[in-house]
Amino acid sequence: MLAMTGRVTMLGLARWTGTGGSYRSIPRFFHTTLPWAALLWAFVRTQLVAPGDRYLLVGDACVVTKAGTETHGVDRFFSSIFGKPVPGVSLFALALVSCRERQAFPVQIEQIVREPAAVPTPQVPPAKRKPGRPKGSSTQAKADAPLNAEHTRISAMIAGLLARIGPHLKLTYLVLDGHFGNQNAVLMARRLGLHLISKLRSDSALY
């Protein structure tokens, strides 16, 4: 784990590495493929997780502003801090929150890369049909509804994390912000064996 003060530059990193480090060591390190998710969990498990404590799994997206066009995944993302879309990179992070210490320990972070927009094709308007349920159609269970691309990506992240920490820590609750206060997010959590803690929109209709 590397921590340094002041402006973070390649030269500054090289100076802080000490004996055995050099300016060329930093690019070689960044070009090395490392299992960051496994490293984060190993650090949290051995240094921060206390046996017997209760933990919540929390997920949230964050946007880091970035100028230019060469950075991988740079695009315009909505930032709640600025209240508008800003150029930068977007990350989705999963963290364990200790109910006793009220602290969050990040255990997995992945970059959100937007898919290129498809070329629009002329759409033929659908033929009008009679109101009501079509004759002969069968009932479809909501529990079997497919997840959208965002929920599929997050579900894969959580499934990998649960498989990694399963022998060491039992999780029950998944906490997400109001963006996920909908039926699809509930289905995603239940399929993972978790209960969702979120909030509904102010105009949600409850039955």
N, C-alpha and C. Protein backbone atom coordinates (compact mmCIF):
# COMPACT_ATOMS: atom_id res chain seq x y z
N MET A 1 0.86 -1.19 0.00
CA MET A 1 0.00 0.00 0.00
C MET A 1 0.90 1.24 0.00
N LEU A 2 0.68 2.15 -0.97
CA LEU A 2 1.51 3.33 -1.11
C LEU A 2 0.70 4.57 -0.78
N ALA A 3 1.20 5.40 0.11
CA ALA A 3 0.55 6.66 0.45
C ALA A 3 1.59 7.75 0.38
N MET A 4 1.25 8.87 -0.22
CA MET A 4 2.20 9.96 -0.36
C MET A 4 1.46 11.28 -0.30
N THR A 5 2.18 12.33 0.06
CA THR A 5 1.60 13.66 0.14
C THR A 5 2.04 14.49 -1.07
N GLY A 6 1.42 15.65 -1.21
CA GLY A 6 1.82 16.54 -2.29
C GLY A 6 1.23 16.13 -3.62
N ARG A 7 1.77 16.69 -4.68
CA ARG A 7 1.28 16.40 -6.02
C ARG A 7 1.72 15.02 -6.46
N VAL A 8 0.76 14.22 -6.97
CA VAL A 8 1.04 12.85 -7.37
C VAL A 8 1.48 12.86 -8.84
N THR A 9 2.76 12.67 -9.08
CA THR A 9 3.31 12.60 -10.44
C THR A 9 4.17 11.35 -10.55
N MET A 10 4.54 11.01 -11.77
CA MET A 10 5.41 9.85 -11.97
C MET A 10 6.75 10.04 -11.26
N LEU A 11 7.31 11.25 -11.35
CA LEU A 11 8.58 11.50 -10.69
C LEU A 11 8.44 11.44 -9.18
N GLY A 12 7.32 12.00 -8.66
CA GLY A 12 7.10 11.95 -7.22
C GLY A 12 6.95 10.53 -6.72
N LEU A 13 6.22 9.68 -7.46
CA LEU A 13 6.09 8.27 -7.08
C LEU A 13 7.45 7.59 -7.05
N ALA A 14 8.29 7.87 -8.07
CA ALA A 14 9.61 7.25 -8.13
C ALA A 14 10.46 7.67 -6.93
N ARG A 15 10.36 8.92 -6.51
CA ARG A 15 11.16 9.39 -5.38
C ARG A 15 10.70 8.77 -4.07
N TRP A 16 9.40 8.46 -3.96
CA TRP A 16 8.89 7.88 -2.72
C TRP A 16 9.12 6.37 -2.64
N THR A 17 9.47 5.73 -3.75
CA THR A 17 9.63 4.27 -3.70
C THR A 17 10.83 3.83 -2.89
N GLY A 18 11.85 4.68 -2.79
CA GLY A 18 13.02 4.32 -1.99
C GLY A 18 13.95 3.39 -2.73
N THR A 19 14.70 2.62 -1.96
CA THR A 19 15.71 1.73 -2.55
C THR A 19 15.06 0.68 -3.44
N GLY A 20 15.61 0.50 -4.62
CA GLY A 20 15.09 -0.51 -5.55
C GLY A 20 14.07 0.04 -6.53
N GLY A 21 13.59 1.27 -6.31
CA GLY A 21 12.63 1.85 -7.21
C GLY A 21 13.29 2.85 -8.15
N SER A 22 12.69 3.06 -9.29
CA SER A 22 13.21 4.02 -10.24
C SER A 22 12.05 4.58 -11.05
N TYR A 23 12.37 5.58 -11.88
CA TYR A 23 11.32 6.18 -12.70
C TYR A 23 10.70 5.16 -13.65
N ARG A 24 11.50 4.25 -14.17
CA ARG A 24 11.00 3.23 -15.09
C ARG A 24 10.22 2.14 -14.37
N SER A 25 10.42 2.00 -13.05
CA SER A 25 9.70 0.98 -12.30
C SER A 25 8.21 1.28 -12.23
N ILE A 26 7.86 2.58 -12.22
CA ILE A 26 6.45 2.97 -12.07
C ILE A 26 5.65 2.54 -13.31
N PRO A 27 6.07 2.88 -14.55
CA PRO A 27 5.31 2.39 -15.71
C PRO A 27 5.22 0.87 -15.78
N ARG A 28 6.31 0.19 -15.41
CA ARG A 28 6.27 -1.27 -15.44
C ARG A 28 5.25 -1.80 -14.44
N PHE A 29 5.14 -1.14 -13.28
CA PHE A 29 4.17 -1.56 -12.28
C PHE A 29 2.74 -1.38 -12.80
N PHE A 30 2.47 -0.22 -13.44
CA PHE A 30 1.12 0.04 -13.93
C PHE A 30 0.76 -0.85 -15.12
N HIS A 31 1.74 -1.37 -15.82
CA HIS A 31 1.47 -2.28 -16.93
C HIS A 31 1.37 -3.73 -16.47
N THR A 32 1.58 -3.98 -15.19
CA THR A 32 1.49 -5.34 -14.66
C THR A 32 0.04 -5.66 -14.31
N THR A 33 -0.45 -6.80 -14.75
CA THR A 33 -1.80 -7.23 -14.41
C THR A 33 -1.80 -7.85 -13.02
N LEU A 34 -2.55 -7.24 -12.12
CA LEU A 34 -2.62 -7.70 -10.74
C LEU A 34 -4.07 -7.99 -10.36
N PRO A 35 -4.31 -9.01 -9.54
CA PRO A 35 -5.68 -9.33 -9.08
C PRO A 35 -6.11 -8.37 -7.96
N TRP A 36 -6.48 -7.14 -8.35
CA TRP A 36 -6.75 -6.11 -7.35
C TRP A 36 -7.89 -6.48 -6.41
N ALA A 37 -8.93 -7.13 -6.94
CA ALA A 37 -10.06 -7.51 -6.08
C ALA A 37 -9.60 -8.47 -4.98
N ALA A 38 -8.76 -9.45 -5.35
CA ALA A 38 -8.25 -10.40 -4.36
C ALA A 38 -7.31 -9.72 -3.38
N LEU A 39 -6.48 -8.77 -3.87
CA LEU A 39 -5.56 -8.05 -2.98
C LEU A 39 -6.32 -7.18 -1.99
N LEU A 40 -7.36 -6.49 -2.46
CA LEU A 40 -8.15 -5.65 -1.56
C LEU A 40 -8.80 -6.49 -0.46
N TRP A 41 -9.41 -7.62 -0.86
CA TRP A 41 -10.07 -8.46 0.13
C TRP A 41 -9.06 -9.05 1.11
N ALA A 42 -7.89 -9.46 0.63
CA ALA A 42 -6.89 -10.01 1.54
C ALA A 42 -6.45 -8.98 2.57
N PHE A 43 -6.30 -7.72 2.12
CA PHE A 43 -5.90 -6.66 3.06
C PHE A 43 -7.02 -6.38 4.07
N VAL A 44 -8.26 -6.26 3.58
CA VAL A 44 -9.38 -5.97 4.48
C VAL A 44 -9.60 -7.12 5.46
N ARG A 45 -9.51 -8.36 4.96
CA ARG A 45 -9.77 -9.51 5.82
C ARG A 45 -8.74 -9.64 6.93
N THR A 46 -7.47 -9.40 6.61
CA THR A 46 -6.42 -9.61 7.60
C THR A 46 -6.21 -8.40 8.52
N GLN A 47 -6.54 -7.20 8.06
CA GLN A 47 -6.22 -6.00 8.83
C GLN A 47 -7.43 -5.27 9.41
N LEU A 48 -8.61 -5.43 8.83
CA LEU A 48 -9.73 -4.57 9.20
C LEU A 48 -10.96 -5.32 9.70
N VAL A 49 -11.25 -6.49 9.16
CA VAL A 49 -12.46 -7.23 9.55
C VAL A 49 -12.27 -7.85 10.92
N ALA A 50 -13.24 -7.58 11.81
CA ALA A 50 -13.21 -8.13 13.16
C ALA A 50 -14.18 -9.30 13.26
N PRO A 51 -13.74 -10.45 13.75
CA PRO A 51 -14.64 -11.60 13.87
C PRO A 51 -15.83 -11.27 14.77
N GLY A 52 -17.02 -11.69 14.35
CA GLY A 52 -18.21 -11.47 15.14
C GLY A 52 -18.93 -10.18 14.84
N ASP A 53 -18.30 -9.24 14.14
CA ASP A 53 -18.97 -7.98 13.80
C ASP A 53 -19.95 -8.20 12.65
N ARG A 54 -20.91 -7.27 12.54
CA ARG A 54 -21.90 -7.33 11.46
C ARG A 54 -21.52 -6.33 10.39
N TYR A 55 -21.60 -6.77 9.13
CA TYR A 55 -21.19 -5.91 8.01
C TYR A 55 -22.30 -5.84 6.97
N LEU A 56 -22.40 -4.68 6.34
CA LEU A 56 -23.31 -4.45 5.23
C LEU A 56 -22.49 -4.33 3.95
N LEU A 57 -23.02 -4.85 2.86
CA LEU A 57 -22.38 -4.67 1.55
C LEU A 57 -23.01 -3.45 0.88
N VAL A 58 -22.19 -2.45 0.60
CA VAL A 58 -22.67 -1.18 0.06
C VAL A 58 -22.06 -0.96 -1.31
N GLY A 59 -22.87 -0.50 -2.26
CA GLY A 59 -22.38 -0.20 -3.60
C GLY A 59 -22.76 1.20 -4.03
N ASP A 60 -21.87 1.86 -4.74
CA ASP A 60 -22.18 3.21 -5.24
C ASP A 60 -21.22 3.54 -6.38
N ALA A 61 -21.69 4.42 -7.26
CA ALA A 61 -20.86 4.88 -8.37
C ALA A 61 -20.27 6.24 -8.02
N CYS A 62 -19.07 6.50 -8.51
CA CYS A 62 -18.43 7.79 -8.30
C CYS A 62 -17.79 8.24 -9.61
N VAL A 63 -17.75 9.54 -9.80
CA VAL A 63 -17.21 10.12 -11.02
C VAL A 63 -15.98 10.94 -10.67
N VAL A 64 -14.88 10.69 -11.37
CA VAL A 64 -13.65 11.44 -11.20
C VAL A 64 -13.46 12.29 -12.45
N THR A 65 -13.44 13.60 -12.29
CA THR A 65 -13.31 14.49 -13.45
C THR A 65 -11.96 14.29 -14.11
N LYS A 66 -11.96 14.32 -15.42
CA LYS A 66 -10.73 14.10 -16.20
C LYS A 66 -10.87 14.81 -17.53
N ALA A 67 -9.88 15.64 -17.86
CA ALA A 67 -9.86 16.31 -19.15
C ALA A 67 -9.17 15.42 -20.18
N GLY A 68 -9.29 15.79 -21.44
CA GLY A 68 -8.62 15.06 -22.50
C GLY A 68 -9.49 13.96 -23.08
N THR A 69 -8.92 13.24 -24.02
CA THR A 69 -9.67 12.19 -24.72
C THR A 69 -8.93 10.85 -24.76
N GLU A 70 -7.71 10.79 -24.25
CA GLU A 70 -6.90 9.58 -24.38
C GLU A 70 -7.15 8.58 -23.26
N THR A 71 -7.65 9.01 -22.12
CA THR A 71 -7.88 8.11 -20.99
C THR A 71 -8.93 7.07 -21.34
N HIS A 72 -8.66 5.82 -20.98
CA HIS A 72 -9.61 4.74 -21.27
C HIS A 72 -10.94 4.97 -20.54
N GLY A 73 -12.04 4.93 -21.28
CA GLY A 73 -13.36 5.04 -20.68
C GLY A 73 -13.79 6.46 -20.37
N VAL A 74 -13.02 7.48 -20.76
CA VAL A 74 -13.42 8.85 -20.46
C VAL A 74 -14.66 9.20 -21.27
N ASP A 75 -15.62 9.86 -20.61
CA ASP A 75 -16.89 10.22 -21.24
C ASP A 75 -17.55 11.25 -20.35
N ARG A 76 -18.79 11.58 -20.65
CA ARG A 76 -19.55 12.50 -19.80
C ARG A 76 -20.47 11.68 -18.91
N PHE A 77 -20.30 11.83 -17.59
CA PHE A 77 -21.11 11.11 -16.62
C PHE A 77 -21.75 12.11 -15.67
N PHE A 78 -22.94 11.76 -15.16
CA PHE A 78 -23.61 12.66 -14.22
C PHE A 78 -22.92 12.60 -12.87
N SER A 79 -22.58 13.77 -12.34
CA SER A 79 -21.94 13.89 -11.02
C SER A 79 -22.92 14.56 -10.07
N SER A 80 -23.22 13.89 -8.95
CA SER A 80 -24.12 14.47 -7.97
C SER A 80 -23.49 15.67 -7.26
N ILE A 81 -22.16 15.74 -7.22
CA ILE A 81 -21.49 16.87 -6.58
C ILE A 81 -21.69 18.14 -7.40
N PHE A 82 -21.52 18.02 -8.72
CA PHE A 82 -21.70 19.17 -9.60
C PHE A 82 -23.15 19.36 -10.03
N GLY A 83 -23.96 18.30 -9.90
CA GLY A 83 -25.36 18.39 -10.29
C GLY A 83 -25.59 18.40 -11.78
N LYS A 84 -24.63 17.91 -12.56
CA LYS A 84 -24.75 17.89 -14.02
C LYS A 84 -23.74 16.89 -14.58
N PRO A 85 -23.88 16.49 -15.86
CA PRO A 85 -22.87 15.62 -16.47
C PRO A 85 -21.54 16.36 -16.64
N VAL A 86 -20.46 15.68 -16.29
CA VAL A 86 -19.13 16.27 -16.40
C VAL A 86 -18.21 15.28 -17.12
N PRO A 87 -17.18 15.77 -17.83
CA PRO A 87 -16.22 14.84 -18.46
C PRO A 87 -15.35 14.18 -17.39
N GLY A 88 -15.18 12.88 -17.51
CA GLY A 88 -14.36 12.17 -16.54
C GLY A 88 -14.50 10.67 -16.72
N VAL A 89 -14.10 9.93 -15.70
CA VAL A 89 -14.25 8.48 -15.68
C VAL A 89 -15.18 8.11 -14.54
N SER A 90 -15.93 7.04 -14.74
CA SER A 90 -16.90 6.59 -13.74
C SER A 90 -16.47 5.24 -13.19
N LEU A 91 -16.59 5.08 -11.89
CA LEU A 91 -16.21 3.84 -11.21
C LEU A 91 -17.38 3.37 -10.35
N PHE A 92 -17.53 2.06 -10.22
CA PHE A 92 -18.51 1.50 -9.30
C PHE A 92 -17.75 0.73 -8.24
N ALA A 93 -18.01 1.07 -6.98
CA ALA A 93 -17.25 0.50 -5.87
C ALA A 93 -18.18 -0.29 -4.95
N LEU A 94 -17.67 -1.40 -4.45
CA LEU A 94 -18.32 -2.18 -3.41
C LEU A 94 -17.49 -2.10 -2.15
N ALA A 95 -18.15 -1.88 -1.02
CA ALA A 95 -17.44 -1.74 0.25
C ALA A 95 -18.19 -2.47 1.34
N LEU A 96 -17.45 -2.90 2.35
CA LEU A 96 -18.04 -3.48 3.55
C LEU A 96 -18.12 -2.38 4.61
N VAL A 97 -19.31 -2.18 5.17
CA VAL A 97 -19.51 -1.17 6.21
C VAL A 97 -19.70 -1.88 7.54
N SER A 98 -18.85 -1.56 8.49
CA SER A 98 -18.94 -2.14 9.83
C SER A 98 -20.04 -1.43 10.60
N CYS A 99 -21.02 -2.19 11.09
CA CYS A 99 -22.11 -1.59 11.87
C CYS A 99 -21.61 -1.10 13.23
N ARG A 100 -20.55 -1.69 13.73
CA ARG A 100 -20.03 -1.28 15.04
C ARG A 100 -19.13 -0.06 14.91
N GLU A 101 -18.19 -0.08 13.98
CA GLU A 101 -17.25 1.03 13.83
C GLU A 101 -17.78 2.14 12.93
N ARG A 102 -18.84 1.87 12.14
CA ARG A 102 -19.42 2.85 11.21
C ARG A 102 -18.36 3.36 10.24
N GLN A 103 -17.60 2.42 9.69
CA GLN A 103 -16.58 2.73 8.71
C GLN A 103 -16.75 1.82 7.50
N ALA A 104 -16.33 2.34 6.33
CA ALA A 104 -16.44 1.58 5.08
C ALA A 104 -15.06 1.11 4.63
N PHE A 105 -14.99 -0.14 4.19
CA PHE A 105 -13.74 -0.71 3.71
C PHE A 105 -13.94 -1.18 2.27
N PRO A 106 -13.43 -0.46 1.27
CA PRO A 106 -13.61 -0.86 -0.14
C PRO A 106 -12.99 -2.24 -0.41
N VAL A 107 -13.75 -3.09 -1.11
CA VAL A 107 -13.27 -4.44 -1.40
C VAL A 107 -13.26 -4.74 -2.90
N GLN A 108 -13.91 -3.93 -3.72
CA GLN A 108 -13.88 -4.16 -5.17
C GLN A 108 -14.28 -2.87 -5.89
N ILE A 109 -13.52 -2.52 -6.92
CA ILE A 109 -13.79 -1.32 -7.71
C ILE A 109 -13.60 -1.66 -9.18
N GLU A 110 -14.57 -1.28 -10.00
CA GLU A 110 -14.48 -1.52 -11.44
C GLU A 110 -14.88 -0.26 -12.19
N GLN A 111 -14.22 -0.03 -13.32
CA GLN A 111 -14.54 1.13 -14.13
C GLN A 111 -15.77 0.86 -14.99
N ILE A 112 -16.60 1.88 -15.12
CA ILE A 112 -17.78 1.80 -15.96
C ILE A 112 -17.43 2.38 -17.32
N VAL A 113 -17.46 1.54 -18.34
CA VAL A 113 -17.15 1.97 -19.70
C VAL A 113 -18.43 1.95 -20.51
N ARG A 114 -18.79 3.09 -21.05
CA ARG A 114 -20.02 3.20 -21.81
C ARG A 114 -19.86 2.56 -23.18
N GLU A 115 -20.86 1.79 -23.57
CA GLU A 115 -20.83 1.17 -24.89
C GLU A 115 -21.07 2.22 -25.97
N PRO A 116 -20.40 2.10 -27.13
CA PRO A 116 -20.65 3.07 -28.20
C PRO A 116 -22.10 3.02 -28.66
N ALA A 117 -22.65 4.19 -28.95
CA ALA A 117 -24.05 4.27 -29.35
C ALA A 117 -24.26 3.59 -30.69
N ALA A 118 -25.31 2.82 -30.77
CA ALA A 118 -25.62 2.13 -32.02
C ALA A 118 -26.19 3.11 -33.04
N VAL A 119 -25.94 2.80 -34.29
CA VAL A 119 -26.47 3.64 -35.36
C VAL A 119 -27.98 3.44 -35.43
N PRO A 120 -28.76 4.51 -35.29
CA PRO A 120 -30.22 4.34 -35.30
C PRO A 120 -30.71 3.85 -36.65
N THR A 121 -31.65 2.93 -36.60
CA THR A 121 -32.26 2.41 -37.82
C THR A 121 -33.71 2.85 -37.87
N PRO A 122 -34.25 3.01 -39.06
CA PRO A 122 -35.65 3.43 -39.16
C PRO A 122 -36.55 2.41 -38.49
N GLN A 123 -37.45 2.92 -37.64
CA GLN A 123 -38.36 2.05 -36.90
C GLN A 123 -39.73 2.06 -37.56
N VAL A 124 -40.26 0.85 -37.76
CA VAL A 124 -41.61 0.73 -38.30
C VAL A 124 -42.58 0.77 -37.13
N PRO A 125 -43.54 1.70 -37.12
CA PRO A 125 -44.48 1.77 -36.00
C PRO A 125 -45.26 0.47 -35.87
N PRO A 126 -45.40 -0.05 -34.63
CA PRO A 126 -46.12 -1.31 -34.45
C PRO A 126 -47.59 -1.14 -34.79
N ALA A 127 -48.17 -2.24 -35.27
CA ALA A 127 -49.60 -2.21 -35.62
C ALA A 127 -50.43 -2.07 -34.35
N LYS A 128 -51.48 -1.28 -34.43
CA LYS A 128 -52.35 -1.08 -33.27
C LYS A 128 -53.15 -2.36 -33.01
N ARG A 129 -53.27 -2.68 -31.73
CA ARG A 129 -54.05 -3.85 -31.35
C ARG A 129 -55.14 -3.44 -30.38
N LYS A 130 -56.06 -4.32 -30.17
CA LYS A 130 -57.18 -4.03 -29.28
C LYS A 130 -56.68 -3.91 -27.84
N PRO A 131 -57.30 -3.04 -27.05
CA PRO A 131 -56.88 -2.94 -25.64
C PRO A 131 -57.17 -4.23 -24.89
N GLY A 132 -56.41 -4.45 -23.85
CA GLY A 132 -56.60 -5.64 -23.03
C GLY A 132 -55.56 -6.70 -23.33
N ARG A 133 -55.68 -7.80 -22.66
CA ARG A 133 -54.70 -8.88 -22.79
C ARG A 133 -54.96 -9.69 -24.04
N PRO A 134 -53.93 -9.96 -24.86
CA PRO A 134 -54.14 -10.76 -26.07
C PRO A 134 -54.65 -12.16 -25.72
N LYS A 135 -55.53 -12.67 -26.54
CA LYS A 135 -56.11 -13.99 -26.30
C LYS A 135 -55.04 -15.07 -26.45
N GLY A 136 -55.00 -15.97 -25.48
CA GLY A 136 -54.06 -17.08 -25.53
C GLY A 136 -52.70 -16.79 -24.93
N SER A 137 -52.43 -15.56 -24.47
CA SER A 137 -51.12 -15.25 -23.88
C SER A 137 -51.04 -15.82 -22.47
N SER A 138 -49.84 -16.21 -22.08
CA SER A 138 -49.64 -16.81 -20.76
C SER A 138 -49.06 -15.78 -19.80
N THR A 139 -49.27 -16.00 -18.52
CA THR A 139 -48.77 -15.11 -17.49
C THR A 139 -47.26 -15.28 -17.34
N GLN A 140 -46.52 -14.18 -17.28
CA GLN A 140 -45.08 -14.22 -17.10
C GLN A 140 -44.73 -13.79 -15.68
N ALA A 141 -43.96 -14.61 -14.99
CA ALA A 141 -43.58 -14.30 -13.61
C ALA A 141 -42.57 -13.17 -13.60
N LYS A 142 -42.80 -12.15 -12.74
CA LYS A 142 -41.86 -11.04 -12.65
C LYS A 142 -40.50 -11.49 -12.13
N ALA A 143 -40.49 -12.55 -11.34
CA ALA A 143 -39.22 -13.03 -10.77
C ALA A 143 -38.28 -13.55 -11.84
N ASP A 144 -38.82 -13.90 -13.01
CA ASP A 144 -37.99 -14.43 -14.10
C ASP A 144 -37.61 -13.36 -15.11
N ALA A 145 -37.94 -12.11 -14.83
CA ALA A 145 -37.66 -11.03 -15.78
C ALA A 145 -36.15 -10.86 -15.95
N PRO A 146 -35.68 -10.62 -17.17
CA PRO A 146 -34.23 -10.43 -17.39
C PRO A 146 -33.77 -9.09 -16.82
N LEU A 147 -32.50 -9.04 -16.39
CA LEU A 147 -31.93 -7.81 -15.86
C LEU A 147 -31.38 -6.97 -17.00
N ASN A 148 -31.35 -5.64 -16.79
CA ASN A 148 -30.78 -4.77 -17.81
C ASN A 148 -29.24 -4.83 -17.73
N ALA A 149 -28.57 -4.10 -18.62
CA ALA A 149 -27.11 -4.19 -18.71
C ALA A 149 -26.44 -3.72 -17.41
N GLU A 150 -26.96 -2.65 -16.80
CA GLU A 150 -26.36 -2.13 -15.57
C GLU A 150 -26.47 -3.13 -14.44
N HIS A 151 -27.66 -3.69 -14.24
CA HIS A 151 -27.85 -4.64 -13.16
C HIS A 151 -27.08 -5.94 -13.42
N THR A 152 -26.95 -6.33 -14.68
CA THR A 152 -26.17 -7.52 -15.00
C THR A 152 -24.71 -7.33 -14.64
N ARG A 153 -24.16 -6.14 -14.94
CA ARG A 153 -22.75 -5.86 -14.62
C ARG A 153 -22.52 -5.85 -13.10
N ILE A 154 -23.42 -5.19 -12.37
CA ILE A 154 -23.28 -5.13 -10.91
C ILE A 154 -23.48 -6.50 -10.29
N SER A 155 -24.42 -7.26 -10.82
CA SER A 155 -24.68 -8.60 -10.30
C SER A 155 -23.45 -9.49 -10.45
N ALA A 156 -22.75 -9.38 -11.58
CA ALA A 156 -21.53 -10.17 -11.78
C ALA A 156 -20.45 -9.76 -10.78
N MET A 157 -20.33 -8.45 -10.51
CA MET A 157 -19.36 -7.98 -9.52
C MET A 157 -19.65 -8.57 -8.15
N ILE A 158 -20.93 -8.48 -7.73
CA ILE A 158 -21.30 -8.95 -6.39
C ILE A 158 -21.15 -10.47 -6.28
N ALA A 159 -21.52 -11.18 -7.34
CA ALA A 159 -21.40 -12.64 -7.31
C ALA A 159 -19.94 -13.05 -7.14
N GLY A 160 -19.03 -12.38 -7.85
CA GLY A 160 -17.61 -12.69 -7.69
C GLY A 160 -17.11 -12.38 -6.29
N LEU A 161 -17.58 -11.26 -5.72
CA LEU A 161 -17.17 -10.90 -4.37
C LEU A 161 -17.69 -11.89 -3.35
N LEU A 162 -18.96 -12.30 -3.48
CA LEU A 162 -19.53 -13.26 -2.53
C LEU A 162 -18.80 -14.60 -2.58
N ALA A 163 -18.40 -15.00 -3.79
CA ALA A 163 -17.64 -16.26 -3.90
C ALA A 163 -16.28 -16.14 -3.25
N ARG A 164 -15.70 -14.93 -3.30
CA ARG A 164 -14.36 -14.71 -2.73
C ARG A 164 -14.39 -14.68 -1.21
N ILE A 165 -15.41 -14.04 -0.64
CA ILE A 165 -15.43 -13.84 0.81
C ILE A 165 -16.32 -14.84 1.53
N GLY A 166 -16.99 -15.70 0.77
CA GLY A 166 -17.96 -16.62 1.37
C GLY A 166 -17.45 -17.41 2.55
N PRO A 167 -16.27 -18.04 2.46
CA PRO A 167 -15.80 -18.85 3.60
C PRO A 167 -15.46 -18.03 4.84
N HIS A 168 -15.31 -16.72 4.71
CA HIS A 168 -14.84 -15.91 5.84
C HIS A 168 -15.91 -14.99 6.42
N LEU A 169 -16.90 -14.59 5.60
CA LEU A 169 -17.86 -13.59 6.07
C LEU A 169 -19.21 -13.84 5.44
N LYS A 170 -20.26 -13.82 6.26
CA LYS A 170 -21.61 -14.02 5.78
C LYS A 170 -22.30 -12.66 5.66
N LEU A 171 -22.79 -12.34 4.46
CA LEU A 171 -23.48 -11.08 4.21
C LEU A 171 -24.96 -11.33 3.98
N THR A 172 -25.78 -10.39 4.49
CA THR A 172 -27.23 -10.52 4.35
C THR A 172 -27.84 -9.37 3.57
N TYR A 173 -27.31 -8.15 3.75
CA TYR A 173 -27.94 -6.95 3.21
C TYR A 173 -27.05 -6.27 2.17
N LEU A 174 -27.68 -5.81 1.09
CA LEU A 174 -27.04 -5.01 0.05
C LEU A 174 -27.65 -3.62 0.09
N VAL A 175 -26.82 -2.59 0.25
CA VAL A 175 -27.28 -1.21 0.38
C VAL A 175 -26.91 -0.45 -0.90
N LEU A 176 -27.92 0.12 -1.57
CA LEU A 176 -27.73 0.91 -2.78
C LEU A 176 -28.54 2.19 -2.67
N ASP A 177 -28.18 3.21 -3.45
CA ASP A 177 -28.87 4.49 -3.35
C ASP A 177 -30.21 4.45 -4.08
N GLY A 178 -30.89 5.60 -4.11
CA GLY A 178 -32.24 5.66 -4.65
C GLY A 178 -32.35 5.32 -6.12
N HIS A 179 -31.24 5.38 -6.85
CA HIS A 179 -31.26 4.99 -8.27
C HIS A 179 -31.67 3.53 -8.43
N PHE A 180 -31.43 2.72 -7.40
CA PHE A 180 -31.73 1.29 -7.47
C PHE A 180 -32.98 0.93 -6.69
N GLY A 181 -33.79 1.91 -6.35
CA GLY A 181 -35.03 1.62 -5.63
C GLY A 181 -36.13 1.20 -6.58
N ASN A 182 -35.95 0.06 -7.25
CA ASN A 182 -36.93 -0.41 -8.22
C ASN A 182 -36.97 -1.94 -8.22
N GLN A 183 -37.93 -2.47 -8.99
CA GLN A 183 -38.16 -3.91 -9.00
C GLN A 183 -36.96 -4.69 -9.53
N ASN A 184 -36.29 -4.18 -10.57
CA ASN A 184 -35.15 -4.90 -11.13
C ASN A 184 -34.03 -5.06 -10.11
N ALA A 185 -33.77 -4.02 -9.32
CA ALA A 185 -32.71 -4.11 -8.31
C ALA A 185 -33.09 -5.11 -7.22
N VAL A 186 -34.38 -5.16 -6.88
CA VAL A 186 -34.83 -6.15 -5.89
C VAL A 186 -34.61 -7.56 -6.42
N LEU A 187 -34.96 -7.79 -7.68
CA LEU A 187 -34.74 -9.11 -8.28
C LEU A 187 -33.26 -9.46 -8.30
N MET A 188 -32.41 -8.48 -8.63
CA MET A 188 -30.97 -8.72 -8.65
C MET A 188 -30.47 -9.15 -7.27
N ALA A 189 -30.91 -8.45 -6.23
CA ALA A 189 -30.46 -8.77 -4.87
C ALA A 189 -30.96 -10.14 -4.43
N ARG A 190 -32.22 -10.45 -4.72
CA ARG A 190 -32.78 -11.72 -4.28
C ARG A 190 -32.11 -12.90 -4.99
N ARG A 191 -31.76 -12.72 -6.27
CA ARG A 191 -31.09 -13.80 -7.00
C ARG A 191 -29.69 -14.05 -6.45
N LEU A 192 -29.12 -13.04 -5.80
CA LEU A 192 -27.80 -13.19 -5.18
C LEU A 192 -27.91 -13.67 -3.73
N GLY A 193 -29.13 -13.87 -3.26
CA GLY A 193 -29.32 -14.32 -1.88
C GLY A 193 -29.21 -13.20 -0.86
N LEU A 194 -29.40 -11.95 -1.29
CA LEU A 194 -29.29 -10.79 -0.40
C LEU A 194 -30.61 -10.06 -0.31
N HIS A 195 -30.75 -9.24 0.73
CA HIS A 195 -31.90 -8.34 0.88
C HIS A 195 -31.44 -6.92 0.53
N LEU A 196 -32.28 -6.21 -0.22
CA LEU A 196 -31.91 -4.87 -0.68
C LEU A 196 -32.38 -3.81 0.30
N ILE A 197 -31.49 -2.89 0.66
CA ILE A 197 -31.83 -1.69 1.44
C ILE A 197 -31.62 -0.50 0.52
N SER A 198 -32.69 0.20 0.20
CA SER A 198 -32.60 1.36 -0.68
C SER A 198 -33.73 2.30 -0.30
N LYS A 199 -34.06 3.24 -1.18
CA LYS A 199 -35.18 4.11 -0.94
C LYS A 199 -35.98 4.27 -2.24
N LEU A 200 -37.28 4.47 -2.08
CA LEU A 200 -38.14 4.64 -3.22
C LEU A 200 -38.24 6.10 -3.61
N ARG A 201 -38.61 6.35 -4.85
CA ARG A 201 -38.85 7.72 -5.28
C ARG A 201 -40.07 8.27 -4.56
N SER A 202 -40.12 9.59 -4.45
CA SER A 202 -41.21 10.22 -3.71
C SER A 202 -42.56 10.00 -4.37
N ASP A 203 -42.58 9.72 -5.68
CA ASP A 203 -43.85 9.53 -6.38
C ASP A 203 -44.14 8.06 -6.65
N SER A 204 -43.46 7.15 -5.92
CA SER A 204 -43.71 5.73 -6.12
C SER A 204 -45.09 5.34 -5.63
N ALA A 205 -45.73 4.47 -6.39
CA ALA A 205 -47.07 4.00 -6.00
C ALA A 205 -46.92 2.64 -5.32
N LEU A 206 -47.35 2.54 -4.08
CA LEU A 206 -47.24 1.31 -3.30
C LEU A 206 -48.56 0.55 -3.30
N TYR A 207 -48.49 -0.76 -3.39
CA TYR A 207 -49.68 -1.61 -3.37
C TYR A 207 -49.52 -2.65 -2.28
